[in-house]
Amino acid sequence: MSDFTKPIEDIASELKDYVDVRVDDIRLRAVRGLTITVSKLLSLILILGVTTSLLLALSFGLTLLLGSWIGSYGGAAMIVAGLLAVILVILFIVKDKPFRGTFVKLFIKLFFDEKEELPVDPES
């Protein structure tokens, strides 16, 4: 009688192994996607921090330069603030066009890229 149920037990064992491999594959893909996303996010934060510092230094330098030319540092600060306000308005108007397509393509590439094969064993 045990010979009769042996193929069913083998199928159940192979099905369990298959499910375990699929779960490991999903976990590895999730970890890969999250790792890449966090890496990109941290890079973006670093770039934004450096860019902000650069813009602050340039604004301060431009304020001092304009202040010495026009004789009023307060007036120069207003001119620089106005320039930055114009840039902000332009970025606010076109915010969806340059960024939305870029981020959609990035996330599609990160989560649905099937070109790379992932190992089943995370230690290999």
PDB file of N, CA and C in Angstrom:
ATOM      1  N   MET A   1       0.815  -1.183   0.000  1.00  0.00           N
ATOM      2  CA  MET A   1       0.000   0.000   0.000  1.00  0.00           C
ATOM      3  C   MET A   1       0.869   1.262   0.000  1.00  0.00           C
ATOM      4  N   SER A   2       2.031   1.221   0.645  1.00  0.00           N
ATOM      5  CA  SER A   2       2.886   2.394   0.679  1.00  0.00           C
ATOM      6  C   SER A   2       3.497   2.666  -0.692  1.00  0.00           C
ATOM      7  N   ASP A   3       3.656   1.621  -1.517  1.00  0.00           N
ATOM      8  CA  ASP A   3       4.142   1.843  -2.874  1.00  0.00           C
ATOM      9  C   ASP A   3       3.126   2.615  -3.700  1.00  0.00           C
ATOM     10  N   PHE A   4       1.862   2.450  -3.353  1.00  0.00           N
ATOM     11  CA  PHE A   4       0.795   3.140  -4.074  1.00  0.00           C
ATOM     12  C   PHE A   4       0.804   4.651  -3.778  1.00  0.00           C
ATOM     13  N   THR A   5       1.116   5.045  -2.544  1.00  0.00           N
ATOM     14  CA  THR A   5       1.100   6.465  -2.162  1.00  0.00           C
ATOM     15  C   THR A   5       2.464   7.131  -2.336  1.00  0.00           C
ATOM     16  N   LYS A   6       3.480   6.382  -2.674  1.00  0.00           N
ATOM     17  CA  LYS A   6       4.834   6.926  -2.828  1.00  0.00           C
ATOM     18  C   LYS A   6       4.891   8.042  -3.884  1.00  0.00           C
ATOM     19  N   PRO A   7       4.292   7.881  -5.096  1.00  0.00           N
ATOM     20  CA  PRO A   7       4.344   8.978  -6.076  1.00  0.00           C
ATOM     21  C   PRO A   7       3.656  10.253  -5.587  1.00  0.00           C
ATOM     22  N   ILE A   8       2.582  10.113  -4.849  1.00  0.00           N
ATOM     23  CA  ILE A   8       1.889  11.290  -4.328  1.00  0.00           C
ATOM     24  C   ILE A   8       2.750  11.998  -3.290  1.00  0.00           C
ATOM     25  N   GLU A   9       3.447  11.239  -2.454  1.00  0.00           N
ATOM     26  CA  GLU A   9       4.346  11.829  -1.469  1.00  0.00           C
ATOM     27  C   GLU A   9       5.508  12.540  -2.164  1.00  0.00           C
ATOM     28  N   ASP A  10       6.018  11.925  -3.237  1.00  0.00           N
ATOM     29  CA  ASP A  10       7.101  12.565  -3.998  1.00  0.00           C
ATOM     30  C   ASP A  10       6.626  13.882  -4.618  1.00  0.00           C
ATOM     31  N   ILE A  11       5.413  13.867  -5.187  1.00  0.00           N
ATOM     32  CA  ILE A  11       4.863  15.096  -5.778  1.00  0.00           C
ATOM     33  C   ILE A  11       4.676  16.159  -4.707  1.00  0.00           C
ATOM     34  N   ALA A  12       4.180  15.773  -3.547  1.00  0.00           N
ATOM     35  CA  ALA A  12       3.987  16.729  -2.453  1.00  0.00           C
ATOM     36  C   ALA A  12       5.323  17.304  -2.003  1.00  0.00           C
ATOM     37  N   SER A  13       6.345  16.444  -1.923  1.00  0.00           N
ATOM     38  CA  SER A  13       7.675  16.904  -1.517  1.00  0.00           C
ATOM     39  C   SER A  13       8.256  17.874  -2.560  1.00  0.00           C
ATOM     40  N   GLU A  14       8.110  17.528  -3.843  1.00  0.00           N
ATOM     41  CA  GLU A  14       8.618  18.397  -4.899  1.00  0.00           C
ATOM     42  C   GLU A  14       7.837  19.717  -4.949  1.00  0.00           C
ATOM     43  N   LEU A  15       6.543  19.653  -4.707  1.00  0.00           N
ATOM     44  CA  LEU A  15       5.739  20.872  -4.674  1.00  0.00           C
ATOM     45  C   LEU A  15       6.175  21.776  -3.526  1.00  0.00           C
ATOM     46  N   LYS A  16       6.459  21.171  -2.373  1.00  0.00           N
ATOM     47  CA  LYS A  16       6.932  21.957  -1.232  1.00  0.00           C
ATOM     48  C   LYS A  16       8.277  22.606  -1.551  1.00  0.00           C
ATOM     49  N   ASP A  17       9.176  21.843  -2.182  1.00  0.00           N
ATOM     50  CA  ASP A  17      10.473  22.397  -2.575  1.00  0.00           C
ATOM     51  C   ASP A  17      10.301  23.547  -3.572  1.00  0.00           C
ATOM     52  N   TYR A  18       9.394  23.355  -4.531  1.00  0.00           N
ATOM     53  CA  TYR A  18       9.142  24.388  -5.526  1.00  0.00           C
ATOM     54  C   TYR A  18       8.601  25.661  -4.868  1.00  0.00           C
ATOM     55  N   VAL A  19       7.674  25.511  -3.955  1.00  0.00           N
ATOM     56  CA  VAL A  19       7.113  26.672  -3.263  1.00  0.00           C
ATOM     57  C   VAL A  19       8.194  27.370  -2.447  1.00  0.00           C
ATOM     58  N   ASP A  20       9.058  26.602  -1.796  1.00  0.00           N
ATOM     59  CA  ASP A  20      10.159  27.206  -1.025  1.00  0.00           C
ATOM     60  C   ASP A  20      11.096  28.006  -1.933  1.00  0.00           C
ATOM     61  N   VAL A  21      11.404  27.438  -3.103  1.00  0.00           N
ATOM     62  CA  VAL A  21      12.280  28.137  -4.045  1.00  0.00           C
ATOM     63  C   VAL A  21      11.617  29.409  -4.552  1.00  0.00           C
ATOM     64  N   ARG A  22      10.334  29.356  -4.847  1.00  0.00           N
ATOM     65  CA  ARG A  22       9.620  30.540  -5.315  1.00  0.00           C
ATOM     66  C   ARG A  22       9.574  31.625  -4.234  1.00  0.00           C
ATOM     67  N   VAL A  23       9.349  31.224  -2.994  1.00  0.00           N
ATOM     68  CA  VAL A  23       9.321  32.192  -1.887  1.00  0.00           C
ATOM     69  C   VAL A  23      10.696  32.840  -1.732  1.00  0.00           C
ATOM     70  N   ASP A  24      11.753  32.032  -1.819  1.00  0.00           N
ATOM     71  CA  ASP A  24      13.108  32.586  -1.739  1.00  0.00           C
ATOM     72  C   ASP A  24      13.375  33.541  -2.899  1.00  0.00           C
ATOM     73  N   ASP A  25      12.904  33.194  -4.085  1.00  0.00           N
ATOM     74  CA  ASP A  25      13.081  34.054  -5.249  1.00  0.00           C
ATOM     75  C   ASP A  25      12.371  35.389  -5.047  1.00  0.00           C
ATOM     76  N   ILE A  26      11.156  35.341  -4.545  1.00  0.00           N
ATOM     77  CA  ILE A  26      10.403  36.577  -4.298  1.00  0.00           C
ATOM     78  C   ILE A  26      11.101  37.427  -3.242  1.00  0.00           C
ATOM     79  N   ARG A  27      11.601  36.781  -2.207  1.00  0.00           N
ATOM     80  CA  ARG A  27      12.329  37.522  -1.168  1.00  0.00           C
ATOM     81  C   ARG A  27      13.578  38.195  -1.741  1.00  0.00           C
ATOM     82  N   LEU A  28      14.330  37.445  -2.549  1.00  0.00           N
ATOM     83  CA  LEU A  28      15.544  38.014  -3.135  1.00  0.00           C
ATOM     84  C   LEU A  28      15.221  39.182  -4.058  1.00  0.00           C
ATOM     85  N   ARG A  29      14.167  39.045  -4.848  1.00  0.00           N
ATOM     86  CA  ARG A  29      13.778  40.144  -5.734  1.00  0.00           C
ATOM     87  C   ARG A  29      13.336  41.362  -4.928  1.00  0.00           C
ATOM     88  N   ALA A  30      12.609  41.133  -3.843  1.00  0.00           N
ATOM     89  CA  ALA A  30      12.171  42.247  -2.998  1.00  0.00           C
ATOM     90  C   ALA A  30      13.363  42.936  -2.346  1.00  0.00           C
ATOM     91  N   VAL A  31      14.300  42.155  -1.838  1.00  0.00           N
ATOM     92  CA  VAL A  31      15.496  42.731  -1.210  1.00  0.00           C
ATOM     93  C   VAL A  31      16.305  43.500  -2.242  1.00  0.00           C
ATOM     94  N   ARG A  32      16.441  42.942  -3.440  1.00  0.00           N
ATOM     95  CA  ARG A  32      17.186  43.627  -4.499  1.00  0.00           C
ATOM     96  C   ARG A  32      16.512  44.955  -4.832  1.00  0.00           C
ATOM     97  N   GLY A  33      15.208  44.937  -5.024  1.00  0.00           N
ATOM     98  CA  GLY A  33      14.488  46.163  -5.352  1.00  0.00           C
ATOM     99  C   GLY A  33      14.577  47.197  -4.253  1.00  0.00           C
ATOM    100  N   LEU A  34      14.415  46.761  -3.011  1.00  0.00           N
ATOM    101  CA  LEU A  34      14.496  47.701  -1.888  1.00  0.00           C
ATOM    102  C   LEU A  34      15.908  48.253  -1.729  1.00  0.00           C
ATOM    103  N   THR A  35      16.912  47.407  -1.917  1.00  0.00           N
ATOM    104  CA  THR A  35      18.298  47.856  -1.792  1.00  0.00           C
ATOM    105  C   THR A  35      18.618  48.907  -2.846  1.00  0.00           C
ATOM    106  N   ILE A  36      18.212  48.651  -4.080  1.00  0.00           N
ATOM    107  CA  ILE A  36      18.476  49.613  -5.142  1.00  0.00           C
ATOM    108  C   ILE A  36      17.709  50.906  -4.886  1.00  0.00           C
ATOM    109  N   THR A  37      16.464  50.790  -4.443  1.00  0.00           N
ATOM    110  CA  THR A  37      15.649  51.978  -4.170  1.00  0.00           C
ATOM    111  C   THR A  37      16.249  52.812  -3.040  1.00  0.00           C
ATOM    112  N   VAL A  38      16.644  52.163  -1.958  1.00  0.00           N
ATOM    113  CA  VAL A  38      17.249  52.891  -0.839  1.00  0.00           C
ATOM    114  C   VAL A  38      18.570  53.520  -1.262  1.00  0.00           C
ATOM    115  N   SER A  39      19.350  52.810  -2.064  1.00  0.00           N
ATOM    116  CA  SER A  39      20.612  53.354  -2.558  1.00  0.00           C
ATOM    117  C   SER A  39      20.366  54.598  -3.410  1.00  0.00           C
ATOM    118  N   LYS A  40      19.402  54.518  -4.311  1.00  0.00           N
ATOM    119  CA  LYS A  40      19.080  55.677  -5.150  1.00  0.00           C
ATOM    120  C   LYS A  40      18.561  56.836  -4.298  1.00  0.00           C
ATOM    121  N   LEU A  41      17.745  56.521  -3.305  1.00  0.00           N
ATOM    122  CA  LEU A  41      17.198  57.550  -2.431  1.00  0.00           C
ATOM    123  C   LEU A  41      18.300  58.244  -1.637  1.00  0.00           C
ATOM    124  N   LEU A  42      19.221  57.472  -1.073  1.00  0.00           N
ATOM    125  CA  LEU A  42      20.324  58.068  -0.325  1.00  0.00           C
ATOM    126  C   LEU A  42      21.233  58.891  -1.231  1.00  0.00           C
ATOM    127  N   SER A  43      21.470  58.403  -2.442  1.00  0.00           N
ATOM    128  CA  SER A  43      22.265  59.181  -3.401  1.00  0.00           C
ATOM    129  C   SER A  43      21.570  60.492  -3.730  1.00  0.00           C
ATOM    130  N   LEU A  44      20.258  60.419  -3.925  1.00  0.00           N
ATOM    131  CA  LEU A  44      19.493  61.626  -4.233  1.00  0.00           C
ATOM    132  C   LEU A  44      19.543  62.616  -3.075  1.00  0.00           C
ATOM    133  N   ILE A  45      19.426  62.120  -1.852  1.00  0.00           N
ATOM    134  CA  ILE A  45      19.499  63.001  -0.676  1.00  0.00           C
ATOM    135  C   ILE A  45      20.873  63.653  -0.587  1.00  0.00           C
ATOM    136  N   LEU A  46      21.927  62.891  -0.844  1.00  0.00           N
ATOM    137  CA  LEU A  46      23.282  63.443  -0.814  1.00  0.00           C
ATOM    138  C   LEU A  46      23.460  64.505  -1.901  1.00  0.00           C
ATOM    139  N   ILE A  47      22.993  64.200  -3.102  1.00  0.00           N
ATOM    140  CA  ILE A  47      23.102  65.168  -4.197  1.00  0.00           C
ATOM    141  C   ILE A  47      22.304  66.428  -3.886  1.00  0.00           C
ATOM    142  N   LEU A  48      21.102  66.274  -3.331  1.00  0.00           N
ATOM    143  CA  LEU A  48      20.294  67.439  -2.972  1.00  0.00           C
ATOM    144  C   LEU A  48      20.975  68.281  -1.891  1.00  0.00           C
ATOM    145  N   GLY A  49      21.598  67.617  -0.924  1.00  0.00           N
ATOM    146  CA  GLY A  49      22.305  68.348   0.127  1.00  0.00           C
ATOM    147  C   GLY A  49      23.475  69.156  -0.421  1.00  0.00           C
ATOM    148  N   VAL A  50      24.256  68.536  -1.294  1.00  0.00           N
ATOM    149  CA  VAL A  50      25.400  69.244  -1.886  1.00  0.00           C
ATOM    150  C   VAL A  50      24.909  70.365  -2.798  1.00  0.00           C
ATOM    151  N   THR A  51      23.858  70.091  -3.571  1.00  0.00           N
ATOM    152  CA  THR A  51      23.309  71.123  -4.459  1.00  0.00           C
ATOM    153  C   THR A  51      22.762  72.296  -3.660  1.00  0.00           C
ATOM    154  N   THR A  52      22.098  72.017  -2.556  1.00  0.00           N
ATOM    155  CA  THR A  52      21.579  73.081  -1.704  1.00  0.00           C
ATOM    156  C   THR A  52      22.719  73.935  -1.138  1.00  0.00           C
ATOM    157  N   SER A  53      23.781  73.282  -0.685  1.00  0.00           N
ATOM    158  CA  SER A  53      24.932  74.021  -0.169  1.00  0.00           C
ATOM    159  C   SER A  53      25.566  74.877  -1.261  1.00  0.00           C
ATOM    160  N   LEU A  54      25.653  74.323  -2.456  1.00  0.00           N
ATOM    161  CA  LEU A  54      26.230  75.066  -3.569  1.00  0.00           C
ATOM    162  C   LEU A  54      25.372  76.282  -3.914  1.00  0.00           C
ATOM    163  N   LEU A  55      24.054  76.082  -3.990  1.00  0.00           N
ATOM    164  CA  LEU A  55      23.168  77.207  -4.289  1.00  0.00           C
ATOM    165  C   LEU A  55      23.213  78.275  -3.196  1.00  0.00           C
ATOM    166  N   LEU A  56      23.324  77.834  -1.957  1.00  0.00           N
ATOM    167  CA  LEU A  56      23.428  78.796  -0.858  1.00  0.00           C
ATOM    168  C   LEU A  56      24.708  79.623  -0.976  1.00  0.00           C
ATOM    169  N   ALA A  57      25.820  78.957  -1.263  1.00  0.00           N
ATOM    170  CA  ALA A  57      27.086  79.682  -1.411  1.00  0.00           C
ATOM    171  C   ALA A  57      27.051  80.620  -2.616  1.00  0.00           C
ATOM    172  N   LEU A  58      26.481  80.143  -3.726  1.00  0.00           N
ATOM    173  CA  LEU A  58      26.379  81.002  -4.910  1.00  0.00           C
ATOM    174  C   LEU A  58      25.469  82.198  -4.654  1.00  0.00           C
ATOM    175  N   SER A  59      24.376  81.971  -3.962  1.00  0.00           N
ATOM    176  CA  SER A  59      23.456  83.073  -3.642  1.00  0.00           C
ATOM    177  C   SER A  59      24.129  84.096  -2.749  1.00  0.00           C
ATOM    178  N   PHE A  60      24.849  83.609  -1.756  1.00  0.00           N
ATOM    179  CA  PHE A  60      25.546  84.531  -0.850  1.00  0.00           C
ATOM    180  C   PHE A  60      26.614  85.309  -1.604  1.00  0.00           C
ATOM    181  N   GLY A  61      27.367  84.616  -2.439  1.00  0.00           N
ATOM    182  CA  GLY A  61      28.403  85.293  -3.229  1.00  0.00           C
ATOM    183  C   GLY A  61      27.808  86.304  -4.188  1.00  0.00           C
ATOM    184  N   LEU A  62      26.720  85.932  -4.852  1.00  0.00           N
ATOM    185  CA  LEU A  62      26.061  86.855  -5.778  1.00  0.00           C
ATOM    186  C   LEU A  62      25.505  88.063  -5.030  1.00  0.00           C
ATOM    187  N   THR A  63      24.976  87.842  -3.838  1.00  0.00           N
ATOM    188  CA  THR A  63      24.472  88.961  -3.026  1.00  0.00           C
ATOM    189  C   THR A  63      25.600  89.920  -2.670  1.00  0.00           C
ATOM    190  N   LEU A  64      26.733  89.372  -2.253  1.00  0.00           N
ATOM    191  CA  LEU A  64      27.871  90.248  -1.920  1.00  0.00           C
ATOM    192  C   LEU A  64      28.380  90.995  -3.141  1.00  0.00           C
ATOM    193  N   LEU A  65      28.450  90.315  -4.285  1.00  0.00           N
ATOM    194  CA  LEU A  65      28.939  90.945  -5.509  1.00  0.00           C
ATOM    195  C   LEU A  65      27.987  92.055  -5.965  1.00  0.00           C
ATOM    196  N   LEU A  66      26.693  91.739  -6.025  1.00  0.00           N
ATOM    197  CA  LEU A  66      25.720  92.768  -6.420  1.00  0.00           C
ATOM    198  C   LEU A  66      25.664  93.909  -5.409  1.00  0.00           C
ATOM    199  N   GLY A  67      25.806  93.550  -4.133  1.00  0.00           N
ATOM    200  CA  GLY A  67      25.796  94.590  -3.087  1.00  0.00           C
ATOM    201  C   GLY A  67      26.934  95.570  -3.251  1.00  0.00           C
ATOM    202  N   SER A  68      28.107  95.074  -3.610  1.00  0.00           N
ATOM    203  CA  SER A  68      29.245  95.981  -3.812  1.00  0.00           C
ATOM    204  C   SER A  68      29.065  96.809  -5.083  1.00  0.00           C
ATOM    205  N   TRP A  69      28.393  96.244  -6.102  1.00  0.00           N
ATOM    206  CA  TRP A  69      28.169  96.995  -7.339  1.00  0.00           C
ATOM    207  C   TRP A  69      27.114  98.088  -7.166  1.00  0.00           C
ATOM    208  N   ILE A  70      26.000  97.743  -6.512  1.00  0.00           N
ATOM    209  CA  ILE A  70      24.915  98.733  -6.423  1.00  0.00           C
ATOM    210  C   ILE A  70      24.976  99.547  -5.132  1.00  0.00           C
ATOM    211  N   GLY A  71      25.818  99.166  -4.208  1.00  0.00           N
ATOM    212  CA  GLY A  71      25.999  99.936  -2.979  1.00  0.00           C
ATOM    213  C   GLY A  71      25.009  99.590  -1.881  1.00  0.00           C
ATOM    214  N   SER A  72      24.198  98.572  -2.066  1.00  0.00           N
ATOM    215  CA  SER A  72      23.222  98.196  -1.040  1.00  0.00           C
ATOM    216  C   SER A  72      23.133  96.670  -0.973  1.00  0.00           C
ATOM    217  N   TYR A  73      23.553  96.134   0.164  1.00  0.00           N
ATOM    218  CA  TYR A  73      23.497  94.677   0.323  1.00  0.00           C
ATOM    219  C   TYR A  73      22.057  94.191   0.491  1.00  0.00           C
ATOM    220  N   GLY A  74      21.227  95.005   1.085  1.00  0.00           N
ATOM    221  CA  GLY A  74      19.810  94.663   1.218  1.00  0.00           C
ATOM    222  C   GLY A  74      19.134  94.563  -0.141  1.00  0.00           C
ATOM    223  N   GLY A  75      19.420  95.542  -1.010  1.00  0.00           N
ATOM    224  CA  GLY A  75      18.869  95.524  -2.366  1.00  0.00           C
ATOM    225  C   GLY A  75      19.373  94.321  -3.153  1.00  0.00           C
ATOM    226  N   ALA A  76      20.640  94.011  -2.976  1.00  0.00           N
ATOM    227  CA  ALA A  76      21.219  92.856  -3.662  1.00  0.00           C
ATOM    228  C   ALA A  76      20.575  91.564  -3.179  1.00  0.00           C
ATOM    229  N   ALA A  77      20.295  91.489  -1.875  1.00  0.00           N
ATOM    230  CA  ALA A  77      19.626  90.308  -1.338  1.00  0.00           C
ATOM    231  C   ALA A  77      18.232  90.160  -1.932  1.00  0.00           C
ATOM    232  N   MET A  78      17.534  91.289  -2.129  1.00  0.00           N
ATOM    233  CA  MET A  78      16.208  91.239  -2.742  1.00  0.00           C
ATOM    234  C   MET A  78      16.282  90.787  -4.205  1.00  0.00           C
ATOM    235  N   ILE A  79      17.291  91.265  -4.920  1.00  0.00           N
ATOM    236  CA  ILE A  79      17.466  90.848  -6.317  1.00  0.00           C
ATOM    237  C   ILE A  79      17.712  89.345  -6.401  1.00  0.00           C
ATOM    238  N   VAL A  80      18.591  88.835  -5.560  1.00  0.00           N
ATOM    239  CA  VAL A  80      18.893  87.394  -5.556  1.00  0.00           C
ATOM    240  C   VAL A  80      17.665  86.599  -5.134  1.00  0.00           C
ATOM    241  N   ALA A  81      16.928  87.084  -4.138  1.00  0.00           N
ATOM    242  CA  ALA A  81      15.703  86.400  -3.716  1.00  0.00           C
ATOM    243  C   ALA A  81      14.680  86.386  -4.854  1.00  0.00           C
ATOM    244  N   GLY A  82      14.578  87.476  -5.586  1.00  0.00           N
ATOM    245  CA  GLY A  82      13.676  87.528  -6.732  1.00  0.00           C
ATOM    246  C   GLY A  82      14.082  86.537  -7.815  1.00  0.00           C
ATOM    247  N   LEU A  83      15.375  86.435  -8.079  1.00  0.00           N
ATOM    248  CA  LEU A  83      15.870  85.450  -9.047  1.00  0.00           C
ATOM    249  C   LEU A  83      15.520  84.030  -8.619  1.00  0.00           C
ATOM    250  N   LEU A  84      15.729  83.735  -7.359  1.00  0.00           N
ATOM    251  CA  LEU A  84      15.415  82.405  -6.854  1.00  0.00           C
ATOM    252  C   LEU A  84      13.911  82.140  -6.883  1.00  0.00           C
ATOM    253  N   ALA A  85      13.105  83.175  -6.635  1.00  0.00           N
ATOM    254  CA  ALA A  85      11.643  83.029  -6.703  1.00  0.00           C
ATOM    255  C   ALA A  85      11.194  82.729  -8.129  1.00  0.00           C
ATOM    256  N   VAL A  86      11.805  83.393  -9.101  1.00  0.00           N
ATOM    257  CA  VAL A  86      11.475  83.126 -10.508  1.00  0.00           C
ATOM    258  C   VAL A  86      11.841  81.694 -10.875  1.00  0.00           C
ATOM    259  N   ILE A  87      12.997  81.241 -10.449  1.00  0.00           N
ATOM    260  CA  ILE A  87      13.412  79.856 -10.707  1.00  0.00           C
ATOM    261  C   ILE A  87      12.440  78.885 -10.045  1.00  0.00           C
ATOM    262  N   LEU A  88      12.028  79.177  -8.834  1.00  0.00           N
ATOM    263  CA  LEU A  88      11.071  78.320  -8.124  1.00  0.00           C
ATOM    264  C   LEU A  88       9.728  78.245  -8.855  1.00  0.00           C
ATOM    265  N   VAL A  89       9.246  79.383  -9.346  1.00  0.00           N
ATOM    266  CA  VAL A  89       7.978  79.394 -10.083  1.00  0.00           C
ATOM    267  C   VAL A  89       8.101  78.576 -11.366  1.00  0.00           C
ATOM    268  N   ILE A  90       9.204  78.725 -12.075  1.00  0.00           N
ATOM    269  CA  ILE A  90       9.419  77.936 -13.301  1.00  0.00           C
ATOM    270  C   ILE A  90       9.444  76.450 -12.987  1.00  0.00           C
ATOM    271  N   LEU A  91      10.146  76.058 -11.938  1.00  0.00           N
ATOM    272  CA  LEU A  91      10.192  74.646 -11.554  1.00  0.00           C
ATOM    273  C   LEU A  91       8.821  74.135 -11.122  1.00  0.00           C
ATOM    274  N   PHE A  92       8.044  74.978 -10.458  1.00  0.00           N
ATOM    275  CA  PHE A  92       6.711  74.576 -10.028  1.00  0.00           C
ATOM    276  C   PHE A  92       5.787  74.363 -11.231  1.00  0.00           C
ATOM    277  N   ILE A  93       5.935  75.192 -12.250  1.00  0.00           N
ATOM    278  CA  ILE A  93       5.096  75.068 -13.437  1.00  0.00           C
ATOM    279  C   ILE A  93       5.420  73.796 -14.226  1.00  0.00           C
ATOM    280  N   VAL A  94       6.692  73.456 -14.343  1.00  0.00           N
ATOM    281  CA  VAL A  94       7.088  72.301 -15.162  1.00  0.00           C
ATOM    282  C   VAL A  94       7.445  71.082 -14.319  1.00  0.00           C
ATOM    283  N   LYS A  95       7.016  71.034 -13.078  1.00  0.00           N
ATOM    284  CA  LYS A  95       7.461  69.974 -12.155  1.00  0.00           C
ATOM    285  C   LYS A  95       7.103  68.571 -12.621  1.00  0.00           C
ATOM    286  N   ASP A  96       5.947  68.394 -13.251  1.00  0.00           N
ATOM    287  CA  ASP A  96       5.518  67.057 -13.635  1.00  0.00           C
ATOM    288  C   ASP A  96       6.257  66.539 -14.859  1.00  0.00           C
ATOM    289  N   LYS A  97       6.575  67.395 -15.773  1.00  0.00           N
ATOM    290  CA  LYS A  97       7.152  66.954 -17.041  1.00  0.00           C
ATOM    291  C   LYS A  97       8.525  66.303 -16.895  1.00  0.00           C
ATOM    292  N   PRO A  98       9.509  66.932 -16.279  1.00  0.00           N
ATOM    293  CA  PRO A  98      10.824  66.280 -16.252  1.00  0.00           C
ATOM    294  C   PRO A  98      10.940  65.158 -15.222  1.00  0.00           C
ATOM    295  N   PHE A  99      10.167  65.206 -14.145  1.00  0.00           N
ATOM    296  CA  PHE A  99      10.385  64.259 -13.062  1.00  0.00           C
ATOM    297  C   PHE A  99       9.502  63.033 -13.130  1.00  0.00           C
ATOM    298  N   ARG A 100       8.246  63.184 -13.496  1.00  0.00           N
ATOM    299  CA  ARG A 100       7.324  62.051 -13.454  1.00  0.00           C
ATOM    300  C   ARG A 100       7.782  60.931 -14.392  1.00  0.00           C
ATOM    301  N   GLY A 101       8.086  61.252 -15.641  1.00  0.00           N
ATOM    302  CA  GLY A 101       8.531  60.236 -16.588  1.00  0.00           C
ATOM    303  C   GLY A 101       9.811  59.564 -16.146  1.00  0.00           C
ATOM    304  N   THR A 102      10.725  60.343 -15.581  1.00  0.00           N
ATOM    305  CA  THR A 102      11.997  59.793 -15.125  1.00  0.00           C
ATOM    306  C   THR A 102      11.787  58.804 -13.994  1.00  0.00           C
ATOM    307  N   PHE A 103      10.965  59.161 -13.008  1.00  0.00           N
ATOM    308  CA  PHE A 103      10.756  58.264 -11.875  1.00  0.00           C
ATOM    309  C   PHE A 103       9.950  57.028 -12.253  1.00  0.00           C
ATOM    310  N   VAL A 104       8.982  57.186 -13.147  1.00  0.00           N
ATOM    311  CA  VAL A 104       8.207  56.022 -13.585  1.00  0.00           C
ATOM    312  C   VAL A 104       9.129  55.035 -14.283  1.00  0.00           C
ATOM    313  N   LYS A 105       9.962  55.518 -15.189  1.00  0.00           N
ATOM    314  CA  LYS A 105      10.906  54.640 -15.893  1.00  0.00           C
ATOM    315  C   LYS A 105      11.877  53.987 -14.915  1.00  0.00           C
ATOM    316  N   LEU A 106      12.345  54.746 -13.918  1.00  0.00           N
ATOM    317  CA  LEU A 106      13.276  54.208 -12.932  1.00  0.00           C
ATOM    318  C   LEU A 106      12.645  53.060 -12.149  1.00  0.00           C
ATOM    319  N   PHE A 107      11.420  53.250 -11.652  1.00  0.00           N
ATOM    320  CA  PHE A 107      10.783  52.208 -10.857  1.00  0.00           C
ATOM    321  C   PHE A 107      10.392  50.999 -11.703  1.00  0.00           C
ATOM    322  N   ILE A 108       9.996  51.226 -12.942  1.00  0.00           N
ATOM    323  CA  ILE A 108       9.706  50.089 -13.817  1.00  0.00           C
ATOM    324  C   ILE A 108      10.976  49.278 -14.038  1.00  0.00           C
ATOM    325  N   LYS A 109      12.074  49.972 -14.272  1.00  0.00           N
ATOM    326  CA  LYS A 109      13.348  49.275 -14.487  1.00  0.00           C
ATOM    327  C   LYS A 109      13.796  48.542 -13.230  1.00  0.00           C
ATOM    328  N   LEU A 110      13.598  49.157 -12.067  1.00  0.00           N
ATOM    329  CA  LEU A 110      14.039  48.540 -10.818  1.00  0.00           C
ATOM    330  C   LEU A 110      13.245  47.278 -10.486  1.00  0.00           C
ATOM    331  N   PHE A 111      11.933  47.332 -10.627  1.00  0.00           N
ATOM    332  CA  PHE A 111      11.105  46.244 -10.138  1.00  0.00           C
ATOM    333  C   PHE A 111      10.703  45.235 -11.205  1.00  0.00           C
ATOM    334  N   PHE A 112      10.815  45.573 -12.472  1.00  0.00           N
ATOM    335  CA  PHE A 112      10.367  44.649 -13.499  1.00  0.00           C
ATOM    336  C   PHE A 112      11.459  44.282 -14.480  1.00  0.00           C
ATOM    337  N   ASP A 113      12.704  44.527 -14.147  1.00  0.00           N
ATOM    338  CA  ASP A 113      13.810  44.176 -15.016  1.00  0.00           C
ATOM    339  C   ASP A 113      14.078  42.681 -14.881  1.00  0.00           C
ATOM    340  N   GLU A 114      13.861  41.947 -15.929  1.00  0.00           N
ATOM    341  CA  GLU A 114      14.016  40.495 -15.894  1.00  0.00           C
ATOM    342  C   GLU A 114      15.322  40.044 -16.530  1.00  0.00           C
ATOM    343  N   LYS A 115      16.201  40.939 -16.878  1.00  0.00           N
ATOM    344  CA  LYS A 115      17.426  40.564 -17.573  1.00  0.00           C
ATOM    345  C   LYS A 115      18.404  39.829 -16.671  1.00  0.00           C
ATOM    346  N   GLU A 116      18.495  40.229 -15.426  1.00  0.00           N
ATOM    347  CA  GLU A 116      19.436  39.598 -14.512  1.00  0.00           C
ATOM    348  C   GLU A 116      18.785  38.416 -13.818  1.00  0.00           C
ATOM    349  N   GLU A 117      19.505  37.315 -13.769  1.00  0.00           N
ATOM    350  CA  GLU A 117      19.023  36.146 -13.036  1.00  0.00           C
ATOM    351  C   GLU A 117      19.547  36.244 -11.610  1.00  0.00           C
ATOM    352  N   LEU A 118      18.669  36.003 -10.662  1.00  0.00           N
ATOM    353  CA  LEU A 118      19.056  36.065  -9.269  1.00  0.00           C
ATOM    354  C   LEU A 118      19.366  34.661  -8.766  1.00  0.00           C
ATOM    355  N   PRO A 119      20.392  34.514  -7.943  1.00  0.00           N
ATOM    356  CA  PRO A 119      20.670  33.193  -7.385  1.00  0.00           C
ATOM    357  C   PRO A 119      19.621  32.826  -6.353  1.00  0.00           C
ATOM    358  N   VAL A 120      19.378  31.532  -6.199  1.00  0.00           N
ATOM    359  CA  VAL A 120      18.409  31.074  -5.214  1.00  0.00           C
ATOM    360  C   VAL A 120      19.005  31.172  -3.827  1.00  0.00           C
ATOM    361  N   ASP A 121      20.286  30.901  -3.721  1.00  0.00           N
ATOM    362  CA  ASP A 121      20.961  30.948  -2.437  1.00  0.00           C
ATOM    363  C   ASP A 121      21.561  32.337  -2.246  1.00  0.00           C
ATOM    364  N   PRO A 122      21.140  33.093  -1.200  1.00  0.00           N
ATOM    365  CA  PRO A 122      21.655  34.455  -1.014  1.00  0.00           C
ATOM    366  C   PRO A 122      23.133  34.506  -0.693  1.00  0.00           C
ATOM    367  N   GLU A 123      23.731  33.399  -0.278  1.00  0.00           N
ATOM    368  CA  GLU A 123      25.142  33.399   0.069  1.00  0.00           C
ATOM    369  C   GLU A 123      26.031  33.132  -1.136  1.00  0.00           C
ATOM    370  N   SER A 124      25.442  32.735  -2.265  1.00  0.00           N
ATOM    371  CA  SER A 124      26.270  32.435  -3.441  1.00  0.00           C
ATOM    372  C   SER A 124      26.487  33.640  -4.281  1.00  0.00           C
TER     373      SER A 124
END
